[in-house]
C-alpha atoms as a PDB file:
ATOM      1  CA  UNK A   1     -74.097 -55.959-124.729  1.00  0.00           C
ATOM      2  CA  UNK A   2     -76.250 -53.251-126.636  1.00  0.00           C
ATOM      3  CA  UNK A   3     -73.483 -50.950-127.154  1.00  0.00           C
ATOM      4  CA  UNK A   4     -71.354 -53.719-128.885  1.00  0.00           C
ATOM      5  CA  UNK A   5     -74.016 -54.629-131.577  1.00  0.00           C
ATOM      6  CA  UNK A   6     -72.563 -52.471-134.142  1.00  0.00           C
ATOM      7  CA  UNK A   7     -69.187 -53.990-134.131  1.00  0.00           C
ATOM      8  CA  UNK A   8     -70.575 -57.495-133.469  1.00  0.00           C
ATOM      9  CA  UNK A   9     -72.616 -57.286-136.636  1.00  0.00           C
ATOM     10  CA  UNK A  10     -69.608 -55.937-138.386  1.00  0.00           C
ATOM     11  CA  UNK A  11     -67.657 -58.547-137.141  1.00  0.00           C
ATOM     12  CA  UNK A  12     -70.424 -61.194-138.604  1.00  0.00           C
ATOM     13  CA  UNK A  13     -69.853 -59.743-142.148  1.00  0.00           C
ATOM     14  CA  UNK A  14     -72.888 -57.202-141.993  1.00  0.00           C
ATOM     15  CA  UNK A  15     -73.355 -53.663-142.357  1.00  0.00           C
ATOM     16  CA  UNK A  16     -74.919 -51.574-139.509  1.00  0.00           C
ATOM     17  CA  UNK A  17     -77.364 -49.112-140.601  1.00  0.00           C
ATOM     18  CA  UNK A  18     -78.234 -45.975-138.937  1.00  0.00           C
ATOM     19  CA  UNK A  19     -79.937 -44.517-136.997  1.00  0.00           C
ATOM     20  CA  UNK A  20     -79.148 -46.653-134.122  1.00  0.00           C
ATOM     21  CA  UNK A  21     -82.202 -46.340-131.887  1.00  0.00           C
ATOM     22  CA  UNK A  22     -81.877 -46.215-127.935  1.00  0.00           C
ATOM     23  CA  UNK A  23     -84.807 -45.928-125.784  1.00  0.00           C
ATOM     24  CA  UNK A  24     -85.807 -45.963-122.384  1.00  0.00           C
ATOM     25  CA  UNK A  25     -89.236 -46.151-120.245  1.00  0.00           C
ATOM     26  CA  UNK A  26     -90.298 -43.729-117.802  1.00  0.00           C
ATOM     27  CA  UNK A  27     -93.483 -44.371-115.111  1.00  0.00           C
ATOM     28  CA  UNK A  28     -95.160 -42.166-112.925  1.00  0.00           C
ATOM     29  CA  UNK A  29     -97.369 -42.379-110.415  1.00  0.00           C
ATOM     30  CA  UNK A  30     -99.983 -45.588-110.373  1.00  0.00           C
ATOM     31  CA  UNK A  31     -98.109 -47.010-113.510  1.00  0.00           C
ATOM     32  CA  UNK A  32     -94.801 -47.563-111.450  1.00  0.00           C
ATOM     33  CA  UNK A  33     -96.612 -49.898-109.005  1.00  0.00           C
ATOM     34  CA  UNK A  34     -98.510 -51.511-111.811  1.00  0.00           C
ATOM     35  CA  UNK A  35     -94.894 -52.091-113.858  1.00  0.00           C
ATOM     36  CA  UNK A  36     -93.108 -53.382-110.784  1.00  0.00           C
ATOM     37  CA  UNK A  37     -96.060 -55.755-110.161  1.00  0.00           C
ATOM     38  CA  UNK A  38     -95.951 -57.202-113.608  1.00  0.00           C
ATOM     39  CA  UNK A  39     -92.336 -57.436-113.526  1.00  0.00           C
ATOM     40  CA  UNK A  40     -92.533 -59.448-110.211  1.00  0.00           C
ATOM     41  CA  UNK A  41     -94.527 -62.672-109.325  1.00  0.00           C
ATOM     42  CA  UNK A  42     -98.009 -61.729-109.030  1.00  0.00           C
ATOM     43  CA  UNK A  43     -97.601 -61.594-105.058  1.00  0.00           C
ATOM     44  CA  UNK A  44    -100.762 -60.819-103.426  1.00  0.00           C
ATOM     45  CA  UNK A  45     -99.520 -58.086-101.302  1.00  0.00           C
ATOM     46  CA  UNK A  46     -96.688 -57.099-103.460  1.00  0.00           C
ATOM     47  CA  UNK A  47     -98.468 -53.764-105.169  1.00  0.00           C
ATOM     48  CA  UNK A  48     -99.614 -52.809-101.670  1.00  0.00           C
ATOM     49  CA  UNK A  49     -96.414 -52.821-100.140  1.00  0.00           C
ATOM     50  CA  UNK A  50     -94.297 -51.106-102.877  1.00  0.00           C
ATOM     51  CA  UNK A  51     -97.097 -48.322-102.763  1.00  0.00           C
ATOM     52  CA  UNK A  52     -96.555 -47.864 -99.393  1.00  0.00           C
ATOM     53  CA  UNK A  53     -92.853 -47.562 -99.507  1.00  0.00           C
ATOM     54  CA  UNK A  54     -92.725 -45.842-102.841  1.00  0.00           C
ATOM     55  CA  UNK A  55     -95.312 -42.897-101.305  1.00  0.00           C
ATOM     56  CA  UNK A  56     -97.902 -41.339-103.650  1.00  0.00           C
ATOM     57  CA  UNK A  57     -96.019 -40.296-106.394  1.00  0.00           C
ATOM     58  CA  UNK A  58     -93.145 -42.507-107.517  1.00  0.00           C
ATOM     59  CA  UNK A  59     -91.056 -42.444-110.627  1.00  0.00           C
ATOM     60  CA  UNK A  60     -89.323 -45.316-112.279  1.00  0.00           C
ATOM     61  CA  UNK A  61     -87.095 -44.850-115.151  1.00  0.00           C
ATOM     62  CA  UNK A  62     -86.024 -48.141-116.989  1.00  0.00           C
ATOM     63  CA  UNK A  63     -83.570 -48.643-119.822  1.00  0.00           C
ATOM     64  CA  UNK A  64     -82.121 -47.565-121.851  1.00  0.00           C
ATOM     65  CA  UNK A  65     -82.472 -50.168-124.801  1.00  0.00           C
ATOM     66  CA  UNK A  66     -80.525 -49.956-127.709  1.00  0.00           C
ATOM     67  CA  UNK A  67     -81.660 -51.202-131.138  1.00  0.00           C
ATOM     68  CA  UNK A  68     -79.280 -52.002-134.288  1.00  0.00           C
ATOM     69  CA  UNK A  69     -80.372 -53.339-137.744  1.00  0.00           C
ATOM     70  CA  UNK A  70     -78.069 -54.487-140.415  1.00  0.00           C
ATOM     71  CA  UNK A  71     -77.991 -55.711-144.050  1.00  0.00           C
ATOM     72  CA  UNK A  72     -75.334 -57.977-145.927  1.00  0.00           C
ATOM     73  CA  UNK A  73     -73.208 -56.156-148.014  1.00  0.00           C
END
């Protein structure tokens, strides 16, 4: 859906304005487990199990997300 936003805005009679922003999130180490725990229900043993499965230095890359804004012509 995100990559179609500029054309969908044009179809709605709006003018997409540059720059279009693409972002993503990168988590490392303990922040990976904290992020995954927050994304899931706060199950009592979830963080411990994920920590064991991922090892001491995990990496999580999330995204990308696309942001586009427009104005009326």
